[in-house]
Amino acid sequence: MSKEDKPLEYQRRIRDTKGVAQRLDLNYLKRPALMALLRRRLTWVLIAVAALACVPLVMGVGGSRRLVANGPLSQAHAIYEDRCEVCHTAAFAGTPDEACQKCHDGAPHPAKSVDHARLNAAPRCAQCHMEHRGKQMLSQVANGNCTECHSDLTEHAAGVTLRATHITEFRAGSHPEFSAGAMKDLRPLRLNHAIHLPKEPKTIRGMKLPLRCGDCHVTDRSSPTGDLVPVTFEQNCKSCHASELEFDVNHVLAPSTQPAPHTRDAQTIHEFVVAAYQDALAANPALVRRPVGNDVAPQPSAAAWLDRMVTDSEDYLFGRKCIYCHEGASNGVVKKLDPVAGRYPDAQPWLPRGEFSHRAHRAVECDSCHATARTSSKTGDVLIPTMKSCLPCHGESRAGLDRCSQCHLYHNRSLERDFRGAGGAL
């Protein structure tokens, strides 16, 4: 191979300080950096754009103020839609309790008189009742507002007497069973639901059975929650049981004679019976000459006849008729029974810490909740539904029907003041 054909020999560059320095541009420090230049100019551009965007917001052009407007108020506070200062008494601050208490008393917790515990620190009104969420009712607070304390009640309140101090949700194991399940109905009555609600249709003494629940249990149309009207003899029982007040055991009165009045006043009943036989004797004096009952000889006088008639009738009425429904009806003395909607005799509610609305459940069959009514044969049976009856709709359905505020109150409404006479907005 000739010398010309040989490849050039690679000679490594000598990297010394002088060689490196010759390749540096000594003027780069005098030229501005591109990113720094762009950042400075971009900052001023953004400031100018923001200023221009604020012009229509301030002027209210084209409804642009809606972009920064507050959310819609609840229906109860709709009159304050453009009067923020009514609730927001301080700029850029939350609503203080004093602003709420101008119109709302906010009676203390607990709401029920059966409970005497006291909160260590009560939450602010706005902490539970959050506004600017539209037409949603402010009373429908989130469960977390309740379980924040009730998940460990002894840590947040003093004087707690409840046994259930760890409630986290309306579920089995997380919420106590209703207290009514352990109670007895102490009304001095003889009431048998099973007889009135047989499985097979039948007719007894002209009465067609089974009855419907609504034949006796009627809701009060004037009640916002559809409370049941107390069952009374005149309104609910008389149409079938009027014969229980018949007293003419010796069959001497006319068939058209009215039955005895339904009252717990024995003297009134006595006077009615006496008057009935006096009228019969005045219309037919020959009644005295007829033997009474199984007697062979008639009574010696009209007074003796009248006394015998009244005695036999009252023994029959109080000894056999009244006790068909009432306890302690001997000698005309009937145990007091007021037509109360709650427990006997003090009218305390069956659910002392809860609220219930029959109106909200009007689309549900009665016995789907009161499941034991058709088989109950004792007056002492408490037919209030158990928690198991409520869970399919209010716990396990996950349909949002298990809010604590649906069944429990926080404020004791009975202790609230009436602001209507003081210019309050209720």
Protein backbone atom coordinates (compact mmCIF):
# COMPACT_ATOMS: atom_id res chain seq x y z
CA MET A 1 0.00 0.00 0.00
CA SER A 2 1.37 3.33 -1.00
CA LYS A 3 1.78 6.18 1.37
CA GLU A 4 -1.11 8.08 -0.25
CA ASP A 5 -3.54 5.21 0.34
CA LYS A 6 -2.92 5.00 4.03
CA PRO A 7 -5.68 6.52 6.26
CA LEU A 8 -4.81 9.54 8.26
CA GLU A 9 -3.80 8.82 11.74
CA TYR A 10 -6.28 10.20 14.33
CA GLN A 11 -4.71 12.74 16.53
CA ARG A 12 -6.53 13.39 19.81
CA ARG A 13 -7.42 17.02 20.52
CA ILE A 14 -5.47 18.52 23.28
CA ARG A 15 -7.96 19.78 25.89
CA ASP A 16 -6.13 22.55 27.70
CA THR A 17 -7.43 25.71 29.32
CA LYS A 18 -6.36 27.93 26.47
CA GLY A 19 -8.16 25.75 23.90
CA VAL A 20 -11.43 25.70 25.85
CA ALA A 21 -11.36 29.44 26.49
CA GLN A 22 -11.08 30.15 22.78
CA ARG A 23 -14.48 28.49 22.15
CA LEU A 24 -16.44 30.58 24.76
CA ASP A 25 -18.59 33.55 23.75
CA LEU A 26 -17.59 36.23 26.19
CA ASN A 27 -20.63 38.42 25.29
CA TYR A 28 -23.40 36.02 26.45
CA LEU A 29 -23.84 37.81 29.75
CA LYS A 30 -24.72 41.00 27.92
CA ARG A 31 -27.65 39.37 26.07
CA PRO A 32 -31.04 38.99 28.05
CA ALA A 33 -32.32 35.45 28.68
CA LEU A 34 -35.24 34.45 26.47
CA MET A 35 -37.34 32.83 29.25
CA ALA A 36 -36.86 35.79 31.59
CA LEU A 37 -37.93 38.14 28.80
CA LEU A 38 -41.03 36.09 27.99
CA ARG A 39 -42.01 35.74 31.67
CA ARG A 40 -41.84 39.48 32.27
CA ARG A 41 -43.91 40.29 29.22
CA LEU A 42 -46.41 37.50 29.91
CA THR A 43 -46.99 38.80 33.43
CA TRP A 44 -47.99 42.21 32.14
CA VAL A 45 -50.21 40.64 29.49
CA LEU A 46 -52.08 38.57 32.09
CA ILE A 47 -52.55 41.61 34.32
CA ALA A 48 -54.04 43.52 31.42
CA VAL A 49 -56.40 40.63 30.51
CA ALA A 50 -57.59 40.30 34.12
CA ALA A 51 -58.28 44.03 34.30
CA LEU A 52 -60.29 43.91 31.10
CA ALA A 53 -62.26 40.89 32.36
CA CYS A 54 -63.24 42.75 35.53
CA VAL A 55 -64.86 45.56 33.57
CA PRO A 56 -68.04 43.62 32.61
CA LEU A 57 -68.21 42.06 36.10
CA VAL A 58 -68.19 45.48 37.72
CA MET A 59 -70.58 46.97 35.17
CA GLY A 60 -72.89 43.94 35.26
CA VAL A 61 -72.89 43.62 31.48
CA GLY A 62 -74.71 40.59 30.05
CA GLY A 63 -75.43 39.01 33.42
CA SER A 64 -71.74 38.54 34.05
CA ARG A 65 -72.22 39.17 37.78
CA ARG A 66 -73.75 35.71 38.03
CA LEU A 67 -70.26 34.28 37.72
CA VAL A 68 -69.35 35.59 41.15
CA ALA A 69 -72.83 35.68 42.73
CA ASN A 70 -73.72 33.60 45.79
CA GLY A 71 -75.61 30.34 45.41
CA PRO A 72 -79.42 30.36 45.60
CA LEU A 73 -80.99 30.68 49.03
CA SER A 74 -83.43 28.27 50.60
CA GLN A 75 -87.11 28.99 50.17
CA ALA A 76 -87.44 30.22 53.76
CA HIS A 77 -84.74 32.85 53.20
CA ALA A 78 -85.65 33.82 49.63
CA ILE A 79 -86.71 37.30 50.78
CA TYR A 80 -83.06 38.03 51.64
CA GLU A 81 -81.71 37.11 48.19
CA ASP A 82 -80.31 40.62 47.59
CA ARG A 83 -79.74 41.56 51.22
CA CYS A 84 -76.55 39.75 52.16
CA GLU A 85 -75.93 42.06 55.10
CA VAL A 86 -78.92 40.61 57.01
CA CYS A 87 -77.00 37.40 57.70
CA HIS A 88 -73.41 38.35 56.84
CA THR A 89 -73.04 41.13 59.40
CA ALA A 90 -69.25 41.25 58.91
CA ALA A 91 -67.52 41.37 55.53
CA PHE A 92 -65.74 38.21 54.38
CA ALA A 93 -66.89 36.31 57.45
CA GLY A 94 -69.33 33.52 58.14
CA THR A 95 -72.81 34.02 59.55
CA PRO A 96 -72.67 34.50 63.34
CA ASP A 97 -75.25 32.87 65.62
CA GLU A 98 -76.51 36.32 66.62
CA ALA A 99 -77.71 36.92 63.05
CA CYS A 100 -79.73 33.68 63.08
CA GLN A 101 -81.19 34.36 66.52
CA LYS A 102 -82.78 37.59 65.32
CA CYS A 103 -85.51 35.42 63.81
CA HIS A 104 -84.90 31.94 65.22
CA ASP A 105 -84.69 31.09 68.88
CA GLY A 106 -82.75 27.90 68.47
CA ALA A 107 -83.76 26.29 71.75
CA PRO A 108 -80.98 24.18 73.30
CA HIS A 109 -80.19 20.53 72.73
CA PRO A 110 -81.32 17.90 73.67
CA ALA A 111 -84.72 18.41 72.13
CA LYS A 112 -86.68 15.99 74.31
CA SER A 113 -87.56 16.61 77.93
CA VAL A 114 -86.77 12.98 78.79
CA ASP A 115 -83.07 13.74 78.28
CA HIS A 116 -81.13 15.97 80.66
CA ALA A 117 -77.59 15.80 79.28
CA ARG A 118 -75.86 19.01 78.22
CA LEU A 119 -73.41 19.55 75.37
CA ASN A 120 -69.90 20.53 76.30
CA ALA A 121 -69.72 22.84 73.28
CA ALA A 122 -72.67 23.52 70.99
CA PRO A 123 -71.91 23.95 67.26
CA ARG A 124 -72.61 27.19 65.44
CA CYS A 125 -75.93 27.47 63.61
CA ALA A 126 -74.29 27.70 60.19
CA GLN A 127 -72.17 24.64 60.93
CA CYS A 128 -75.24 22.42 60.62
CA HIS A 129 -77.64 24.60 58.63
CA MET A 130 -75.70 25.41 55.47
CA GLU A 131 -77.21 28.03 53.15
CA HIS A 132 -76.78 28.77 49.44
CA ARG A 133 -77.64 25.22 48.39
CA GLY A 134 -80.91 26.00 46.65
CA LYS A 135 -84.41 25.08 47.82
CA GLN A 136 -83.24 22.30 50.11
CA MET A 137 -84.71 22.67 53.60
CA LEU A 138 -82.20 23.88 56.15
CA SER A 139 -83.57 21.41 58.69
CA GLN A 140 -82.30 18.51 56.58
CA VAL A 141 -78.80 18.48 57.98
CA ALA A 142 -76.17 15.91 57.10
CA ASN A 143 -75.78 12.86 59.31
CA GLY A 144 -72.21 13.84 60.07
CA ASN A 145 -73.46 16.80 62.10
CA CYS A 146 -75.22 14.36 64.44
CA THR A 147 -72.77 11.47 64.53
CA GLU A 148 -69.91 13.85 65.26
CA CYS A 149 -71.16 13.79 68.85
CA HIS A 150 -73.32 10.67 69.03
CA SER A 151 -70.57 8.37 67.81
CA ASP A 152 -69.01 8.94 71.25
CA LEU A 153 -71.60 10.85 73.23
CA THR A 154 -69.89 10.68 76.61
CA GLU A 155 -66.96 12.65 75.21
CA HIS A 156 -69.16 15.51 74.00
CA ALA A 157 -71.83 15.87 76.69
CA ALA A 158 -72.20 15.77 80.45
CA GLY A 159 -74.87 13.93 82.41
CA VAL A 160 -75.55 11.32 79.72
CA THR A 161 -78.07 8.67 80.82
CA LEU A 162 -78.59 6.96 77.47
CA ARG A 163 -77.27 3.45 77.16
CA ALA A 164 -76.66 3.87 73.43
CA THR A 165 -73.73 6.28 73.30
CA HIS A 166 -72.10 5.08 70.09
CA ILE A 167 -74.51 5.70 67.20
CA THR A 168 -72.97 6.06 63.76
CA GLU A 169 -75.80 5.31 61.30
CA PHE A 170 -79.29 3.85 60.99
CA ARG A 171 -78.25 0.23 60.66
CA ALA A 172 -78.49 -2.86 62.80
CA GLY A 173 -75.67 -2.77 65.30
CA SER A 174 -75.07 0.95 64.76
CA HIS A 175 -78.41 2.23 66.09
CA PRO A 176 -80.38 1.02 69.15
CA GLU A 177 -83.69 -0.79 68.87
CA PHE A 178 -86.82 1.31 69.48
CA SER A 179 -87.68 1.48 73.16
CA ALA A 180 -91.40 0.79 72.52
CA GLY A 181 -90.60 -2.85 71.82
CA ALA A 182 -89.92 -3.45 75.52
CA MET A 183 -93.05 -1.66 76.76
CA LYS A 184 -96.56 -2.85 77.60
CA ASP A 185 -99.83 -1.16 76.74
CA LEU A 186 -101.46 -0.56 80.13
CA ARG A 187 -104.81 0.74 78.92
CA PRO A 188 -107.64 -0.86 80.94
CA LEU A 189 -109.32 -2.27 77.84
CA ARG A 190 -110.06 -5.68 76.44
CA LEU A 191 -109.04 -5.35 72.82
CA ASN A 192 -108.28 -8.25 70.53
CA HIS A 193 -106.93 -7.28 67.12
CA ALA A 194 -106.88 -10.87 65.91
CA ILE A 195 -110.67 -11.18 66.29
CA HIS A 196 -111.23 -8.01 64.27
CA LEU A 197 -108.69 -9.02 61.59
CA PRO A 198 -109.24 -12.74 60.88
CA LYS A 199 -107.48 -14.31 57.91
CA GLU A 200 -110.72 -15.65 56.45
CA PRO A 201 -113.79 -13.41 55.91
CA LYS A 202 -116.65 -14.09 58.32
CA THR A 203 -119.77 -12.47 59.76
CA ILE A 204 -120.35 -12.26 63.52
CA ARG A 205 -123.65 -10.83 64.82
CA GLY A 206 -124.13 -9.03 61.52
CA MET A 207 -120.61 -7.59 61.52
CA LYS A 208 -118.53 -8.39 58.45
CA LEU A 209 -114.92 -9.25 59.20
CA PRO A 210 -112.07 -8.62 58.70
CA LEU A 211 -112.12 -4.91 59.28
CA ARG A 212 -109.72 -2.55 57.60
CA CYS A 213 -107.19 -0.67 59.70
CA GLY A 214 -108.66 2.60 58.46
CA ASP A 215 -112.09 1.70 59.85
CA CYS A 216 -110.83 2.54 63.33
CA HIS A 217 -107.51 4.33 62.85
CA VAL A 218 -108.06 7.59 60.98
CA THR A 219 -105.46 10.28 60.38
CA ASP A 220 -106.08 13.86 61.42
CA ARG A 221 -106.33 15.93 58.24
CA SER A 222 -105.39 19.09 60.12
CA SER A 223 -102.15 17.55 61.36
CA PRO A 224 -99.09 18.24 59.16
CA THR A 225 -97.71 14.81 60.03
CA GLY A 226 -101.02 12.96 59.79
CA ASP A 227 -101.30 12.03 63.46
CA LEU A 228 -103.94 9.44 64.24
CA VAL A 229 -107.22 10.63 65.70
CA PRO A 230 -107.81 8.85 69.05
CA VAL A 231 -110.23 5.94 68.76
CA THR A 232 -113.53 6.59 70.56
CA PHE A 233 -116.61 4.48 71.13
CA GLU A 234 -118.96 6.94 69.49
CA GLN A 235 -116.94 7.32 66.31
CA ASN A 236 -115.39 3.91 65.86
CA CYS A 237 -117.06 1.23 68.00
CA LYS A 238 -120.73 2.11 68.35
CA SER A 239 -121.76 1.01 64.86
CA CYS A 240 -120.87 -2.59 65.78
CA HIS A 241 -121.01 -2.65 69.56
CA ALA A 242 -124.09 -0.58 70.44
CA SER A 243 -125.73 -3.72 71.82
CA GLU A 244 -123.09 -3.82 74.57
CA LEU A 245 -124.96 -0.90 76.19
CA GLU A 246 -128.37 -2.58 76.29
CA PHE A 247 -129.53 -3.03 79.88
CA ASP A 248 -133.14 -4.36 79.73
CA VAL A 249 -132.31 -7.84 80.97
CA ASN A 250 -135.97 -8.63 81.86
CA HIS A 251 -137.30 -7.48 78.49
CA VAL A 252 -140.00 -5.18 79.76
CA LEU A 253 -139.09 -2.08 77.76
CA ALA A 254 -140.06 -1.35 74.18
CA PRO A 255 -137.61 -2.47 71.46
CA SER A 256 -137.12 1.18 70.54
CA THR A 257 -135.64 2.03 73.94
CA GLN A 258 -132.26 3.71 73.62
CA PRO A 259 -129.23 1.92 75.10
CA ALA A 260 -127.46 3.40 78.10
CA PRO A 261 -125.10 6.31 77.44
CA HIS A 262 -121.41 5.51 77.02
CA THR A 263 -119.83 7.43 79.88
CA ARG A 264 -117.64 6.66 82.85
CA ASP A 265 -120.02 8.58 85.12
CA ALA A 266 -121.96 5.80 86.89
CA GLN A 267 -124.49 8.27 88.29
CA THR A 268 -125.46 9.45 84.82
CA ILE A 269 -126.03 5.85 83.74
CA HIS A 270 -128.08 5.15 86.87
CA GLU A 271 -130.31 8.15 86.27
CA PHE A 272 -130.83 7.12 82.64
CA VAL A 273 -131.89 3.58 83.62
CA VAL A 274 -134.27 4.83 86.33
CA ALA A 275 -135.88 7.30 83.91
CA ALA A 276 -136.35 4.58 81.28
CA TYR A 277 -138.30 2.33 83.67
CA GLN A 278 -140.29 5.22 85.14
CA ASP A 279 -141.44 6.20 81.65
CA ALA A 280 -142.34 2.59 80.87
CA LEU A 281 -144.33 2.28 84.10
CA ALA A 282 -146.15 5.54 83.45
CA ALA A 283 -147.11 4.36 79.96
CA ASN A 284 -148.22 0.91 81.17
CA PRO A 285 -149.05 0.62 84.93
CA ALA A 286 -149.91 -3.06 84.41
CA LEU A 287 -146.21 -3.89 84.33
CA VAL A 288 -146.25 -4.01 88.15
CA ARG A 289 -148.64 -6.98 88.12
CA ARG A 290 -146.27 -9.13 86.02
CA PRO A 291 -143.68 -11.36 87.71
CA VAL A 292 -140.11 -10.28 87.17
CA GLY A 293 -137.69 -12.76 85.63
CA ASN A 294 -138.13 -16.22 87.10
CA ASP A 295 -140.24 -15.02 90.00
CA VAL A 296 -143.65 -16.59 90.49
CA ALA A 297 -145.31 -13.64 92.22
CA PRO A 298 -145.23 -10.01 91.11
CA GLN A 299 -143.58 -7.25 93.12
CA PRO A 300 -145.67 -5.90 96.02
CA SER A 301 -145.59 -2.27 94.86
CA ALA A 302 -144.56 0.01 92.02
CA ALA A 303 -141.59 1.25 94.04
CA ALA A 304 -140.42 -2.32 94.66
CA TRP A 305 -140.87 -3.14 90.98
CA LEU A 306 -138.88 -0.10 89.93
CA ASP A 307 -136.09 -0.90 92.39
CA ARG A 308 -135.95 -4.51 91.15
CA MET A 309 -135.79 -3.41 87.50
CA VAL A 310 -132.99 -0.94 88.12
CA THR A 311 -130.95 -3.37 90.25
CA ASP A 312 -131.21 -6.22 87.73
CA SER A 313 -130.38 -3.93 84.81
CA GLU A 314 -127.32 -2.37 86.43
CA ASP A 315 -125.99 -5.76 87.54
CA TYR A 316 -126.41 -6.99 83.99
CA LEU A 317 -124.94 -3.85 82.40
CA PHE A 318 -121.94 -3.39 84.66
CA GLY A 319 -121.33 -7.05 85.42
CA ARG A 320 -121.60 -8.51 81.92
CA LYS A 321 -121.83 -5.82 79.27
CA CYS A 322 -119.23 -3.20 80.24
CA ILE A 323 -116.58 -5.78 81.05
CA TYR A 324 -116.78 -6.98 77.46
CA CYS A 325 -114.49 -4.03 76.65
CA HIS A 326 -113.50 -2.45 79.98
CA GLU A 327 -111.57 -3.63 82.99
CA GLY A 328 -112.84 -2.91 86.48
CA ALA A 329 -116.44 -2.22 85.46
CA SER A 330 -118.15 -3.83 88.47
CA ASN A 331 -120.58 -1.66 90.43
CA GLY A 332 -120.44 0.91 87.68
CA VAL A 333 -116.82 1.88 88.45
CA VAL A 334 -114.84 1.90 85.21
CA LYS A 335 -111.11 2.52 85.22
CA LYS A 336 -110.40 5.92 83.76
CA LEU A 337 -109.46 5.80 80.10
CA ASP A 338 -108.77 8.99 78.22
CA PRO A 339 -108.68 8.92 74.40
CA VAL A 340 -105.01 9.78 74.31
CA ALA A 341 -102.72 9.30 71.33
CA GLY A 342 -99.73 8.16 73.40
CA ARG A 343 -99.10 5.81 76.28
CA TYR A 344 -101.69 5.36 79.02
CA PRO A 345 -102.24 7.13 81.34
CA ASP A 346 -99.80 10.02 80.88
CA ALA A 347 -100.08 10.35 77.08
CA GLN A 348 -96.32 10.11 76.65
CA PRO A 349 -95.38 9.19 73.06
CA TRP A 350 -94.44 5.63 72.27
CA LEU A 351 -91.27 6.88 70.59
CA PRO A 352 -90.10 9.40 73.21
CA ARG A 353 -87.03 10.53 71.25
CA GLY A 354 -88.28 10.16 67.71
CA GLU A 355 -90.75 11.71 65.30
CA PHE A 356 -93.02 9.87 62.89
CA SER A 357 -95.29 11.02 60.09
CA HIS A 358 -98.19 8.81 59.01
CA ARG A 359 -98.83 11.27 56.18
CA ALA A 360 -95.42 10.56 54.67
CA HIS A 361 -96.21 6.82 54.77
CA ARG A 362 -99.77 7.00 53.43
CA ALA A 363 -98.82 4.96 50.34
CA VAL A 364 -97.69 2.03 52.53
CA GLU A 365 -100.06 -0.65 53.77
CA CYS A 366 -100.55 -0.48 57.53
CA ASP A 367 -99.69 -4.10 58.25
CA SER A 368 -96.47 -3.89 56.26
CA CYS A 369 -95.10 -1.95 59.26
CA HIS A 370 -97.48 -3.08 62.01
CA ALA A 371 -96.77 -6.69 61.13
CA THR A 372 -98.01 -8.25 64.38
CA ALA A 373 -101.41 -6.53 64.45
CA ARG A 374 -103.31 -9.37 62.76
CA THR A 375 -102.12 -11.94 65.29
CA SER A 376 -102.29 -9.80 68.45
CA SER A 377 -104.81 -11.07 70.98
CA LYS A 378 -103.81 -9.02 74.03
CA THR A 379 -104.37 -5.36 74.81
CA GLY A 380 -100.91 -5.20 76.35
CA ASP A 381 -99.26 -5.91 73.01
CA VAL A 382 -97.48 -2.81 71.73
CA LEU A 383 -97.90 -2.80 67.97
CA ILE A 384 -95.40 -0.02 67.28
CA PRO A 385 -93.10 -1.18 64.44
CA THR A 386 -89.63 -2.33 65.32
CA MET A 387 -86.45 -1.12 63.69
CA LYS A 388 -86.53 -4.17 61.43
CA SER A 389 -89.70 -2.83 59.78
CA CYS A 390 -88.01 0.46 58.87
CA LEU A 391 -84.63 -0.76 57.61
CA PRO A 392 -85.72 -1.98 54.14
CA CYS A 393 -86.66 1.57 53.14
CA HIS A 394 -84.68 3.79 55.50
CA GLY A 395 -81.44 1.92 55.98
CA GLU A 396 -80.66 -0.81 53.53
CA SER A 397 -82.12 0.79 50.40
CA ARG A 398 -79.34 3.40 50.27
CA ALA A 399 -81.95 5.81 48.88
CA GLY A 400 -80.96 8.71 51.12
CA LEU A 401 -83.95 8.17 53.42
CA ASP A 402 -81.87 7.52 56.51
CA ARG A 403 -81.02 11.06 57.62
CA CYS A 404 -81.04 11.50 61.37
CA SER A 405 -83.08 14.71 61.00
CA GLN A 406 -85.97 12.78 59.46
CA CYS A 407 -86.80 11.11 62.76
CA HIS A 408 -85.02 13.19 65.40
CA LEU A 409 -85.21 16.84 66.42
CA TYR A 410 -82.24 18.87 67.57
CA HIS A 411 -84.02 21.94 68.93
CA ASN A 412 -86.73 21.75 71.58
CA ARG A 413 -89.54 23.55 69.76
CA SER A 414 -91.61 23.84 72.94
CA LEU A 415 -88.99 26.19 74.42
CA GLU A 416 -88.79 28.50 71.43
CA ARG A 417 -90.13 32.03 71.64
CA ASP A 418 -92.79 33.31 69.26
CA PHE A 419 -91.22 36.01 67.07
CA ARG A 420 -94.34 36.73 65.02
CA GLY A 421 -95.43 39.49 67.34
CA ALA A 422 -91.99 41.09 67.35
CA GLY A 423 -91.55 41.63 63.65
CA GLY A 424 -89.60 38.43 63.18
CA ALA A 425 -89.51 36.72 59.82
CA LEU A 426 -90.85 33.23 60.31
